[in-house]
Amino acid sequence: AADRAQHVNELINPALAAGQVVLTDRYIDSSVAYQGAARCLGAKEVRDLSLWATDNLLPDLTLLLDADPQLAAKRVQTRSGQADAIEAEGLQFQYRLREQFHRLAEQESTRIKIIDASVEIEQIAAQVRALVSELLKERGILPDIVHTSLQRRAINTANIALDAADRLWIPVKRTWRLNERHYGALQGKNKSEIREEYGDEKFMTWRRSYDVPPPPLDDS
């Protein structure tokens, strides 16, 4: 709770005060589901503590990417072959977790929208874009210029958002500098290859950190 309070006070609230749109993941609802229900610490207690720590700050929209835990486990195997700490808790834990997330979505259906994550990634992205575009239009958040990377899905997302806002006529500037984080010498390698070459400690540092760069590409 202390860490979340600091995050809200130092990062989220100043950004909101400046009129910025804030995107975040694993906010209060995740704490309630993971700690309060799946780990049996008390959903109401965890929620009350989290709301106190954040001064009752809740998102305008929460997207819940939902898929059967067995499908999720198969994707983990395909993606890396090695589960992280949460994924390694087992299917029983994952089903309890999913049930609690569904319960939260039922309780706050206006804010929490369930995304069908059992489909292909392009279809998942389309569901997300539609909901976010609708919210931006409702709130009157209308850009006068758009900056995007050169990646196709980023360009498509920008076009869909502009279409939903009826602002396809505004200028769009594209640059490679907005591409997703470049992973240097790790580019193109999967998690298992990185772990084997560099070890678990460095792998986790690069995966979790926002300020520790990966090893650079060899200029040669």
C-alpha atoms as a PDB file:
ATOM      1  CA  ALA A   1       0.000   0.000   0.000  1.00  0.00           C
ATOM      2  CA  ALA A   2       2.848   2.400   0.805  1.00  0.00           C
ATOM      3  CA  ASP A   3       4.452   1.774  -2.580  1.00  0.00           C
ATOM      4  CA  ARG A   4       1.160   2.413  -4.385  1.00  0.00           C
ATOM      5  CA  ALA A   5       0.523   5.578  -2.394  1.00  0.00           C
ATOM      6  CA  GLN A   6       3.946   6.899  -3.401  1.00  0.00           C
ATOM      7  CA  HIS A   7       3.345   5.955  -7.040  1.00  0.00           C
ATOM      8  CA  VAL A   8       0.003   7.759  -7.099  1.00  0.00           C
ATOM      9  CA  ASN A   9       1.271  10.866  -5.331  1.00  0.00           C
ATOM     10  CA  GLU A  10       4.516  11.231  -7.285  1.00  0.00           C
ATOM     11  CA  LEU A  11       3.489  10.080 -10.766  1.00  0.00           C
ATOM     12  CA  ILE A  12      -0.218   9.620 -11.392  1.00  0.00           C
ATOM     13  CA  ASN A  13      -1.713  12.642  -9.623  1.00  0.00           C
ATOM     14  CA  PRO A  14       0.768  15.159 -11.124  1.00  0.00           C
ATOM     15  CA  ALA A  15       0.087  13.755 -14.596  1.00  0.00           C
ATOM     16  CA  LEU A  16      -3.670  14.005 -14.112  1.00  0.00           C
ATOM     17  CA  ALA A  17      -3.311  17.540 -12.780  1.00  0.00           C
ATOM     18  CA  ALA A  18      -1.440  18.417 -15.978  1.00  0.00           C
ATOM     19  CA  GLY A  19      -4.327  17.108 -18.075  1.00  0.00           C
ATOM     20  CA  GLN A  20      -2.517  14.000 -19.273  1.00  0.00           C
ATOM     21  CA  VAL A  21      -4.015  10.590 -20.040  1.00  0.00           C
ATOM     22  CA  VAL A  22      -2.556   7.972 -17.681  1.00  0.00           C
ATOM     23  CA  LEU A  23      -2.208   4.288 -18.557  1.00  0.00           C
ATOM     24  CA  THR A  24      -1.237   1.822 -15.860  1.00  0.00           C
ATOM     25  CA  ASP A  25      -1.448  -1.903 -15.201  1.00  0.00           C
ATOM     26  CA  ARG A  26      -2.106  -4.053 -12.117  1.00  0.00           C
ATOM     27  CA  TYR A  27      -3.715  -1.335 -10.071  1.00  0.00           C
ATOM     28  CA  ILE A  28      -6.082  -1.800  -7.106  1.00  0.00           C
ATOM     29  CA  ASP A  29      -8.185  -4.532  -8.690  1.00  0.00           C
ATOM     30  CA  SER A  30      -5.131  -6.747  -9.084  1.00  0.00           C
ATOM     31  CA  SER A  31      -4.282  -6.378  -5.406  1.00  0.00           C
ATOM     32  CA  VAL A  32      -7.831  -7.301  -4.445  1.00  0.00           C
ATOM     33  CA  ALA A  33      -7.845 -10.352  -6.717  1.00  0.00           C
ATOM     34  CA  TYR A  34      -4.310 -11.638  -6.057  1.00  0.00           C
ATOM     35  CA  GLN A  35      -3.940 -10.904  -2.360  1.00  0.00           C
ATOM     36  CA  GLY A  36      -7.466 -10.517  -1.116  1.00  0.00           C
ATOM     37  CA  ALA A  37      -9.155 -13.483  -2.762  1.00  0.00           C
ATOM     38  CA  ALA A  38      -6.731 -15.886  -4.399  1.00  0.00           C
ATOM     39  CA  ARG A  39      -4.396 -15.747  -1.380  1.00  0.00           C
ATOM     40  CA  CYS A  40      -7.308 -15.517   1.075  1.00  0.00           C
ATOM     41  CA  LEU A  41      -6.227 -12.295   2.807  1.00  0.00           C
ATOM     42  CA  GLY A  42      -9.702 -10.776   2.577  1.00  0.00           C
ATOM     43  CA  ALA A  43     -10.884  -8.949  -0.538  1.00  0.00           C
ATOM     44  CA  LYS A  44     -12.676  -6.162   1.351  1.00  0.00           C
ATOM     45  CA  GLU A  45      -9.706  -5.534   3.643  1.00  0.00           C
ATOM     46  CA  VAL A  46      -7.256  -5.315   0.748  1.00  0.00           C
ATOM     47  CA  ARG A  47      -9.579  -3.041  -1.244  1.00  0.00           C
ATOM     48  CA  ASP A  48     -10.186  -0.711   1.704  1.00  0.00           C
ATOM     49  CA  LEU A  49      -6.454  -0.439   2.375  1.00  0.00           C
ATOM     50  CA  SER A  50      -5.700   0.211  -1.297  1.00  0.00           C
ATOM     51  CA  LEU A  51      -8.374   2.904  -1.567  1.00  0.00           C
ATOM     52  CA  TRP A  52      -7.051   4.572   1.577  1.00  0.00           C
ATOM     53  CA  ALA A  53      -3.508   4.535   0.165  1.00  0.00           C
ATOM     54  CA  THR A  54      -4.610   6.102  -3.128  1.00  0.00           C
ATOM     55  CA  ASP A  55      -7.134   8.561  -1.668  1.00  0.00           C
ATOM     56  CA  ASN A  56      -9.947   6.682  -3.458  1.00  0.00           C
ATOM     57  CA  LEU A  57      -8.444   7.234  -6.908  1.00  0.00           C
ATOM     58  CA  LEU A  58      -9.918   4.790  -9.426  1.00  0.00           C
ATOM     59  CA  PRO A  59      -9.459   4.531 -13.211  1.00  0.00           C
ATOM     60  CA  ASP A  60     -12.115   5.748 -15.618  1.00  0.00           C
ATOM     61  CA  LEU A  61     -11.759   2.448 -17.474  1.00  0.00           C
ATOM     62  CA  THR A  62     -10.259  -0.889 -16.464  1.00  0.00           C
ATOM     63  CA  LEU A  63      -9.677  -3.579 -19.079  1.00  0.00           C
ATOM     64  CA  LEU A  64      -9.709  -7.174 -17.861  1.00  0.00           C
ATOM     65  CA  LEU A  65      -8.039  -9.535 -20.330  1.00  0.00           C
ATOM     66  CA  ASP A  66      -9.787 -12.824 -19.664  1.00  0.00           C
ATOM     67  CA  ALA A  67      -8.884 -16.353 -20.792  1.00  0.00           C
ATOM     68  CA  ASP A  68      -9.178 -19.849 -19.375  1.00  0.00           C
ATOM     69  CA  PRO A  69      -6.132 -20.605 -17.169  1.00  0.00           C
ATOM     70  CA  GLN A  70      -5.396 -23.778 -19.129  1.00  0.00           C
ATOM     71  CA  LEU A  71      -5.120 -21.772 -22.328  1.00  0.00           C
ATOM     72  CA  ALA A  72      -2.925 -19.249 -20.529  1.00  0.00           C
ATOM     73  CA  ALA A  73      -0.647 -22.060 -19.333  1.00  0.00           C
ATOM     74  CA  LYS A  74      -0.277 -23.340 -22.895  1.00  0.00           C
ATOM     75  CA  ARG A  75       0.656 -19.861 -24.078  1.00  0.00           C
ATOM     76  CA  VAL A  76       3.317 -19.608 -21.382  1.00  0.00           C
ATOM     77  CA  GLN A  77       4.823 -22.880 -22.573  1.00  0.00           C
ATOM     78  CA  THR A  78       4.797 -21.696 -26.167  1.00  0.00           C
ATOM     79  CA  ARG A  79       6.171 -18.265 -25.294  1.00  0.00           C
ATOM     80  CA  SER A  80       9.048 -19.136 -22.981  1.00  0.00           C
ATOM     81  CA  GLY A  81       8.659 -22.606 -21.525  1.00  0.00           C
ATOM     82  CA  GLN A  82       9.147 -21.200 -18.019  1.00  0.00           C
ATOM     83  CA  ALA A  83       6.454 -19.779 -15.753  1.00  0.00           C
ATOM     84  CA  ASP A  84       7.009 -16.725 -13.581  1.00  0.00           C
ATOM     85  CA  ALA A  85       6.164 -16.648  -9.867  1.00  0.00           C
ATOM     86  CA  ILE A  86       2.443 -16.040 -10.381  1.00  0.00           C
ATOM     87  CA  GLU A  87       2.117 -18.466 -13.270  1.00  0.00           C
ATOM     88  CA  ALA A  88       3.854 -21.148 -11.197  1.00  0.00           C
ATOM     89  CA  GLU A  89       1.136 -21.014  -8.501  1.00  0.00           C
ATOM     90  CA  GLY A  90      -0.817 -23.705 -10.355  1.00  0.00           C
ATOM     91  CA  LEU A  91      -4.231 -23.995 -12.013  1.00  0.00           C
ATOM     92  CA  GLN A  92      -6.265 -24.043  -8.801  1.00  0.00           C
ATOM     93  CA  PHE A  93      -4.831 -20.669  -7.834  1.00  0.00           C
ATOM     94  CA  GLN A  94      -5.385 -19.340 -11.358  1.00  0.00           C
ATOM     95  CA  TYR A  95      -9.046 -20.385 -11.341  1.00  0.00           C
ATOM     96  CA  ARG A  96      -9.605 -18.690  -7.963  1.00  0.00           C
ATOM     97  CA  LEU A  97      -7.939 -15.603  -9.344  1.00  0.00           C
ATOM     98  CA  ARG A  98     -10.094 -15.580 -12.468  1.00  0.00           C
ATOM     99  CA  GLU A  99     -13.251 -16.040 -10.408  1.00  0.00           C
ATOM    100  CA  GLN A 100     -12.367 -13.032  -8.269  1.00  0.00           C
ATOM    101  CA  PHE A 101     -11.639 -10.855 -11.295  1.00  0.00           C
ATOM    102  CA  HIS A 102     -15.047 -11.829 -12.723  1.00  0.00           C
ATOM    103  CA  ARG A 103     -16.663 -10.934  -9.406  1.00  0.00           C
ATOM    104  CA  LEU A 104     -15.016  -7.507  -9.476  1.00  0.00           C
ATOM    105  CA  ALA A 105     -16.191  -6.963 -13.061  1.00  0.00           C
ATOM    106  CA  GLU A 106     -19.763  -7.800 -12.033  1.00  0.00           C
ATOM    107  CA  GLN A 107     -19.614  -5.404  -9.102  1.00  0.00           C
ATOM    108  CA  GLU A 108     -18.253  -2.516 -11.181  1.00  0.00           C
ATOM    109  CA  SER A 109     -19.488  -3.267 -14.685  1.00  0.00           C
ATOM    110  CA  THR A 110     -19.447   0.381 -15.724  1.00  0.00           C
ATOM    111  CA  ARG A 111     -15.718   0.716 -15.092  1.00  0.00           C
ATOM    112  CA  ILE A 112     -14.375  -2.804 -15.609  1.00  0.00           C
ATOM    113  CA  LYS A 113     -14.809  -4.232 -19.099  1.00  0.00           C
ATOM    114  CA  ILE A 114     -13.956  -7.850 -19.893  1.00  0.00           C
ATOM    115  CA  ILE A 115     -11.822  -8.448 -22.978  1.00  0.00           C
ATOM    116  CA  ASP A 116     -11.958 -11.896 -24.561  1.00  0.00           C
ATOM    117  CA  ALA A 117      -8.272 -12.832 -24.504  1.00  0.00           C
ATOM    118  CA  SER A 118      -8.821 -16.338 -25.869  1.00  0.00           C
ATOM    119  CA  VAL A 119      -8.733 -15.023 -29.439  1.00  0.00           C
ATOM    120  CA  GLU A 120      -5.786 -13.934 -31.578  1.00  0.00           C
ATOM    121  CA  ILE A 121      -3.791 -10.901 -30.478  1.00  0.00           C
ATOM    122  CA  GLU A 122      -5.092  -8.748 -33.332  1.00  0.00           C
ATOM    123  CA  GLN A 123      -8.661  -9.390 -32.183  1.00  0.00           C
ATOM    124  CA  ILE A 124      -7.738  -8.593 -28.593  1.00  0.00           C
ATOM    125  CA  ALA A 125      -6.190  -5.317 -29.712  1.00  0.00           C
ATOM    126  CA  ALA A 126      -9.333  -4.444 -31.683  1.00  0.00           C
ATOM    127  CA  GLN A 127     -11.504  -4.877 -28.567  1.00  0.00           C
ATOM    128  CA  VAL A 128      -9.166  -2.660 -26.555  1.00  0.00           C
ATOM    129  CA  ARG A 129      -9.011   0.041 -29.212  1.00  0.00           C
ATOM    130  CA  ALA A 130     -12.795   0.192 -29.505  1.00  0.00           C
ATOM    131  CA  LEU A 131     -13.351   0.662 -25.753  1.00  0.00           C
ATOM    132  CA  VAL A 132     -10.567   3.208 -25.297  1.00  0.00           C
ATOM    133  CA  SER A 133     -11.609   5.200 -28.358  1.00  0.00           C
ATOM    134  CA  GLU A 134     -15.188   5.346 -27.094  1.00  0.00           C
ATOM    135  CA  LEU A 135     -14.065   6.606 -23.684  1.00  0.00           C
ATOM    136  CA  LEU A 136     -11.823   9.317 -25.143  1.00  0.00           C
ATOM    137  CA  LYS A 137     -14.666  10.540 -27.319  1.00  0.00           C
ATOM    138  CA  GLU A 138     -17.090  10.568 -24.365  1.00  0.00           C
ATOM    139  CA  ARG A 139     -14.636  12.622 -22.297  1.00  0.00           C
ATOM    140  CA  GLY A 140     -14.021  15.087 -25.101  1.00  0.00           C
ATOM    141  CA  ILE A 141     -10.321  14.255 -25.309  1.00  0.00           C
ATOM    142  CA  LEU A 142      -9.762  15.321 -28.890  1.00  0.00           C
ATOM    143  CA  PRO A 143      -6.171  15.592 -30.138  1.00  0.00           C
ATOM    144  CA  ASP A 144      -5.035  18.174 -32.663  1.00  0.00           C
ATOM    145  CA  ILE A 145      -1.965  16.152 -33.671  1.00  0.00           C
ATOM    146  CA  VAL A 146      -0.956  12.494 -33.337  1.00  0.00           C
ATOM    147  CA  HIS A 147       2.527  11.074 -32.820  1.00  0.00           C
ATOM    148  CA  THR A 148       3.050   7.382 -33.451  1.00  0.00           C
ATOM    149  CA  SER A 149       5.832   4.895 -34.090  1.00  0.00           C
ATOM    150  CA  LEU A 150       6.495   3.176 -37.402  1.00  0.00           C
ATOM    151  CA  GLN A 151       5.038  -0.111 -36.173  1.00  0.00           C
ATOM    152  CA  ARG A 152       1.961  -1.216 -38.080  1.00  0.00           C
ATOM    153  CA  ARG A 153      -0.209  -1.936 -35.040  1.00  0.00           C
ATOM    154  CA  ALA A 154       0.589   1.498 -33.579  1.00  0.00           C
ATOM    155  CA  ILE A 155      -0.403   3.189 -36.832  1.00  0.00           C
ATOM    156  CA  ASN A 156      -3.598   1.114 -37.028  1.00  0.00           C
ATOM    157  CA  THR A 157      -4.464   1.971 -33.427  1.00  0.00           C
ATOM    158  CA  ALA A 158      -3.996   5.674 -34.110  1.00  0.00           C
ATOM    159  CA  ASN A 159      -6.213   5.473 -37.199  1.00  0.00           C
ATOM    160  CA  ILE A 160      -8.973   3.647 -35.319  1.00  0.00           C
ATOM    161  CA  ALA A 161      -8.865   6.162 -32.454  1.00  0.00           C
ATOM    162  CA  LEU A 162      -8.989   9.086 -34.879  1.00  0.00           C
ATOM    163  CA  ASP A 163     -11.878   7.524 -36.792  1.00  0.00           C
ATOM    164  CA  ALA A 164     -13.843   7.004 -33.559  1.00  0.00           C
ATOM    165  CA  ALA A 165     -13.230  10.643 -32.641  1.00  0.00           C
ATOM    166  CA  ASP A 166     -14.081  11.836 -36.179  1.00  0.00           C
ATOM    167  CA  ARG A 167     -10.645  13.454 -36.477  1.00  0.00           C
ATOM    168  CA  LEU A 168      -9.020  11.608 -39.363  1.00  0.00           C
ATOM    169  CA  TRP A 169      -8.150  14.984 -40.849  1.00  0.00           C
ATOM    170  CA  ILE A 170      -5.561  16.016 -38.225  1.00  0.00           C
ATOM    171  CA  PRO A 171      -1.814  15.619 -38.932  1.00  0.00           C
ATOM    172  CA  VAL A 172      -0.063  12.373 -37.952  1.00  0.00           C
ATOM    173  CA  LYS A 173       3.698  12.330 -37.366  1.00  0.00           C
ATOM    174  CA  ARG A 174       5.490   8.961 -37.385  1.00  0.00           C
ATOM    175  CA  THR A 175       8.997   8.229 -36.167  1.00  0.00           C
ATOM    176  CA  TRP A 176      11.049   5.160 -35.296  1.00  0.00           C
ATOM    177  CA  ARG A 177      11.976   6.876 -32.035  1.00  0.00           C
ATOM    178  CA  LEU A 178       8.531   5.978 -30.681  1.00  0.00           C
ATOM    179  CA  ASN A 179       8.934   2.289 -31.464  1.00  0.00           C
ATOM    180  CA  GLU A 180       8.699  -0.052 -28.491  1.00  0.00           C
ATOM    181  CA  ARG A 181      11.812  -0.387 -26.363  1.00  0.00           C
ATOM    182  CA  HIS A 182      14.725  -1.779 -28.327  1.00  0.00           C
ATOM    183  CA  TYR A 183      16.292  -4.705 -26.496  1.00  0.00           C
ATOM    184  CA  GLY A 184      19.793  -4.260 -27.841  1.00  0.00           C
ATOM    185  CA  ALA A 185      21.720  -7.527 -27.973  1.00  0.00           C
ATOM    186  CA  LEU A 186      18.633  -9.316 -26.607  1.00  0.00           C
ATOM    187  CA  GLN A 187      16.534  -8.416 -29.648  1.00  0.00           C
ATOM    188  CA  GLY A 188      15.013 -11.500 -31.265  1.00  0.00           C
ATOM    189  CA  LYS A 189      15.859 -13.879 -28.393  1.00  0.00           C
ATOM    190  CA  ASN A 190      13.240 -15.617 -26.290  1.00  0.00           C
ATOM    191  CA  LYS A 191      13.264 -15.778 -22.497  1.00  0.00           C
ATOM    192  CA  SER A 192      14.858 -19.219 -22.314  1.00  0.00           C
ATOM    193  CA  GLU A 193      17.772 -18.167 -24.515  1.00  0.00           C
ATOM    194  CA  ILE A 194      18.378 -15.023 -22.450  1.00  0.00           C
ATOM    195  CA  ARG A 195      18.283 -16.948 -19.165  1.00  0.00           C
ATOM    196  CA  GLU A 196      20.740 -19.513 -20.480  1.00  0.00           C
ATOM    197  CA  GLU A 197      23.178 -16.923 -21.822  1.00  0.00           C
ATOM    198  CA  TYR A 198      23.035 -14.285 -19.072  1.00  0.00           C
ATOM    199  CA  GLY A 199      21.545 -16.020 -16.012  1.00  0.00           C
ATOM    200  CA  ASP A 200      18.332 -15.526 -14.046  1.00  0.00           C
ATOM    201  CA  GLU A 201      19.482 -12.480 -12.071  1.00  0.00           C
ATOM    202  CA  LYS A 202      20.305 -10.352 -15.111  1.00  0.00           C
ATOM    203  CA  PHE A 203      17.229 -11.616 -16.935  1.00  0.00           C
ATOM    204  CA  MET A 204      14.926 -10.496 -14.115  1.00  0.00           C
ATOM    205  CA  THR A 205      16.714  -7.147 -13.819  1.00  0.00           C
ATOM    206  CA  TRP A 206      16.192  -6.379 -17.499  1.00  0.00           C
ATOM    207  CA  ARG A 207      12.628  -7.652 -17.426  1.00  0.00           C
ATOM    208  CA  ARG A 208      11.470  -5.702 -14.368  1.00  0.00           C
ATOM    209  CA  SER A 209      13.549  -2.546 -14.617  1.00  0.00           C
ATOM    210  CA  TYR A 210      12.640   0.635 -16.443  1.00  0.00           C
ATOM    211  CA  ASP A 211      16.046   2.314 -16.049  1.00  0.00           C
ATOM    212  CA  VAL A 212      18.587  -0.506 -16.553  1.00  0.00           C
ATOM    213  CA  PRO A 213      19.342  -0.840 -20.284  1.00  0.00           C
ATOM    214  CA  PRO A 214      19.918  -4.227 -21.929  1.00  0.00           C
ATOM    215  CA  PRO A 215      23.361  -5.035 -23.371  1.00  0.00           C
ATOM    216  CA  PRO A 216      24.013  -2.925 -26.487  1.00  0.00           C
ATOM    217  CA  LEU A 217      24.284  -4.267 -30.001  1.00  0.00           C
ATOM    218  CA  ASP A 218      27.746  -5.049 -31.267  1.00  0.00           C
ATOM    219  CA  ASP A 219      28.657  -2.280 -33.707  1.00  0.00           C
ATOM    220  CA  SER A 220      30.686  -4.717 -35.739  1.00  0.00           C
END
